[in-house]
Amino acid sequence: MKIIKDKKIVDDNWSHLADDEVISQGDITVSLSRWKDEKSSLRDHAGKIGIRLA
């Protein structure tokens, strides 16, 4: 998927995980509720983690 970042079209390398999806390698986003439930294990994730508020 492509996104616009800093006025340029770039690849979106993030995986946007549903609450029931297995945590994948690389940069991921998770819901706030998943973060609250699994933050101790998510902190050990090797990639970057984004938390979706909506």
N, C-alpha and C. Protein backbone atom coordinates (compact mmCIF):
# COMPACT_ATOMS: atom_id res chain seq x y z
N MET A 1 0.85 -1.17 0.00
CA MET A 1 0.00 0.00 0.00
C MET A 1 0.89 1.23 0.00
N LYS A 2 0.43 2.26 -0.64
CA LYS A 2 1.16 3.54 -0.68
C LYS A 2 0.46 4.54 0.24
N ILE A 3 1.25 5.41 0.87
CA ILE A 3 0.71 6.49 1.69
C ILE A 3 1.46 7.78 1.33
N ILE A 4 0.91 8.89 1.77
CA ILE A 4 1.59 10.17 1.57
C ILE A 4 2.26 10.54 2.89
N LYS A 5 3.57 10.76 2.84
CA LYS A 5 4.34 11.12 4.02
C LYS A 5 5.30 12.23 3.62
N ASP A 6 5.24 13.34 4.34
CA ASP A 6 6.10 14.48 4.04
C ASP A 6 5.97 14.91 2.57
N LYS A 7 4.73 14.94 2.09
CA LYS A 7 4.40 15.38 0.73
C LYS A 7 4.95 14.47 -0.37
N LYS A 8 5.30 13.22 0.00
CA LYS A 8 5.81 12.25 -0.97
C LYS A 8 5.02 10.96 -0.86
N ILE A 9 4.86 10.27 -1.97
CA ILE A 9 4.21 8.96 -1.96
C ILE A 9 5.26 7.91 -1.63
N VAL A 10 5.01 7.15 -0.56
CA VAL A 10 5.96 6.14 -0.09
C VAL A 10 5.22 4.84 0.21
N ASP A 11 5.96 3.75 0.33
CA ASP A 11 5.37 2.47 0.73
C ASP A 11 5.00 2.50 2.20
N ASP A 12 3.87 1.90 2.54
CA ASP A 12 3.45 1.74 3.93
C ASP A 12 3.96 0.37 4.38
N ASN A 13 5.01 0.34 5.17
CA ASN A 13 5.64 -0.91 5.59
C ASN A 13 5.10 -1.43 6.91
N TRP A 14 4.07 -0.80 7.45
CA TRP A 14 3.50 -1.21 8.72
C TRP A 14 2.43 -2.29 8.50
N SER A 15 2.35 -3.23 9.44
CA SER A 15 1.26 -4.21 9.45
C SER A 15 0.25 -3.74 10.48
N HIS A 16 -0.99 -3.56 10.04
CA HIS A 16 -2.05 -3.08 10.92
C HIS A 16 -2.84 -4.30 11.39
N LEU A 17 -2.54 -4.77 12.61
CA LEU A 17 -3.06 -6.04 13.09
C LEU A 17 -4.41 -5.90 13.78
N ALA A 18 -5.31 -6.83 13.47
CA ALA A 18 -6.57 -6.94 14.20
C ALA A 18 -6.26 -7.57 15.56
N ASP A 19 -7.19 -7.45 16.48
CA ASP A 19 -6.95 -7.96 17.83
C ASP A 19 -6.74 -9.47 17.88
N ASP A 20 -7.26 -10.20 16.89
CA ASP A 20 -7.11 -11.65 16.90
C ASP A 20 -6.00 -12.16 15.98
N GLU A 21 -5.26 -11.25 15.35
CA GLU A 21 -4.17 -11.67 14.45
C GLU A 21 -2.89 -11.96 15.24
N VAL A 22 -2.12 -12.89 14.71
CA VAL A 22 -0.82 -13.24 15.30
C VAL A 22 0.13 -12.07 15.07
N ILE A 23 0.95 -11.77 16.07
CA ILE A 23 1.91 -10.68 15.95
C ILE A 23 2.98 -11.06 14.95
N SER A 24 3.17 -10.21 13.96
CA SER A 24 4.13 -10.48 12.89
C SER A 24 5.42 -9.71 13.14
N GLN A 25 6.44 -10.05 12.38
CA GLN A 25 7.70 -9.33 12.47
C GLN A 25 7.57 -7.98 11.79
N GLY A 26 8.47 -7.08 12.09
CA GLY A 26 8.46 -5.77 11.47
C GLY A 26 7.66 -4.77 12.29
N ASP A 27 7.35 -3.65 11.67
CA ASP A 27 6.61 -2.58 12.34
C ASP A 27 5.12 -2.90 12.32
N ILE A 28 4.46 -2.74 13.47
CA ILE A 28 3.05 -3.10 13.59
C ILE A 28 2.27 -1.99 14.28
N THR A 29 0.96 -1.98 14.03
CA THR A 29 0.05 -1.18 14.84
C THR A 29 -0.95 -2.13 15.48
N VAL A 30 -1.34 -1.81 16.70
CA VAL A 30 -2.34 -2.59 17.43
C VAL A 30 -3.35 -1.63 18.04
N SER A 31 -4.50 -2.16 18.40
CA SER A 31 -5.52 -1.34 19.05
C SER A 31 -5.09 -1.00 20.48
N LEU A 32 -5.67 0.05 21.01
CA LEU A 32 -5.37 0.43 22.39
C LEU A 32 -5.75 -0.68 23.35
N SER A 33 -6.88 -1.34 23.11
CA SER A 33 -7.29 -2.43 24.01
C SER A 33 -6.30 -3.59 23.97
N ARG A 34 -5.79 -3.92 22.78
CA ARG A 34 -4.79 -4.99 22.69
C ARG A 34 -3.50 -4.58 23.40
N TRP A 35 -3.10 -3.33 23.24
CA TRP A 35 -1.91 -2.83 23.93
C TRP A 35 -2.07 -2.99 25.44
N LYS A 36 -3.23 -2.61 25.96
CA LYS A 36 -3.47 -2.72 27.41
C LYS A 36 -3.41 -4.17 27.87
N ASP A 37 -3.96 -5.09 27.06
CA ASP A 37 -4.00 -6.51 27.44
C ASP A 37 -2.66 -7.22 27.28
N GLU A 38 -1.84 -6.80 26.31
CA GLU A 38 -0.63 -7.56 25.95
C GLU A 38 0.65 -6.74 26.00
N LYS A 39 0.64 -5.60 26.71
CA LYS A 39 1.80 -4.71 26.61
C LYS A 39 3.10 -5.33 27.10
N SER A 40 3.05 -6.24 28.06
CA SER A 40 4.31 -6.84 28.53
C SER A 40 4.97 -7.66 27.42
N SER A 41 4.20 -8.40 26.64
CA SER A 41 4.79 -9.16 25.54
C SER A 41 5.08 -8.28 24.33
N LEU A 42 4.24 -7.27 24.09
CA LEU A 42 4.47 -6.38 22.95
C LEU A 42 5.73 -5.54 23.13
N ARG A 43 6.09 -5.23 24.35
CA ARG A 43 7.31 -4.45 24.59
C ARG A 43 8.56 -5.18 24.12
N ASP A 44 8.50 -6.49 24.03
CA ASP A 44 9.64 -7.29 23.57
C ASP A 44 9.69 -7.40 22.05
N HIS A 45 8.72 -6.84 21.35
CA HIS A 45 8.65 -6.92 19.89
C HIS A 45 9.86 -6.20 19.28
N ALA A 46 10.47 -6.82 18.29
CA ALA A 46 11.71 -6.27 17.70
C ALA A 46 11.46 -5.03 16.84
N GLY A 47 10.29 -4.90 16.25
CA GLY A 47 10.00 -3.75 15.39
C GLY A 47 9.38 -2.60 16.16
N LYS A 48 8.99 -1.57 15.43
CA LYS A 48 8.30 -0.44 16.03
C LYS A 48 6.84 -0.82 16.27
N ILE A 49 6.22 -0.19 17.28
CA ILE A 49 4.82 -0.46 17.59
C ILE A 49 4.05 0.85 17.61
N GLY A 50 2.96 0.89 16.86
CA GLY A 50 2.04 2.02 16.89
C GLY A 50 0.76 1.57 17.58
N ILE A 51 0.13 2.48 18.31
CA ILE A 51 -1.11 2.17 19.00
C ILE A 51 -2.23 2.98 18.37
N ARG A 52 -3.24 2.26 17.86
CA ARG A 52 -4.39 2.92 17.23
C ARG A 52 -5.39 3.32 18.30
N LEU A 53 -5.79 4.57 18.29
CA LEU A 53 -6.72 5.08 19.28
C LEU A 53 -8.17 4.94 18.84
N ALA A 54 -8.39 4.73 17.57
CA ALA A 54 -9.78 4.60 17.08
C ALA A 54 -9.94 3.34 16.28
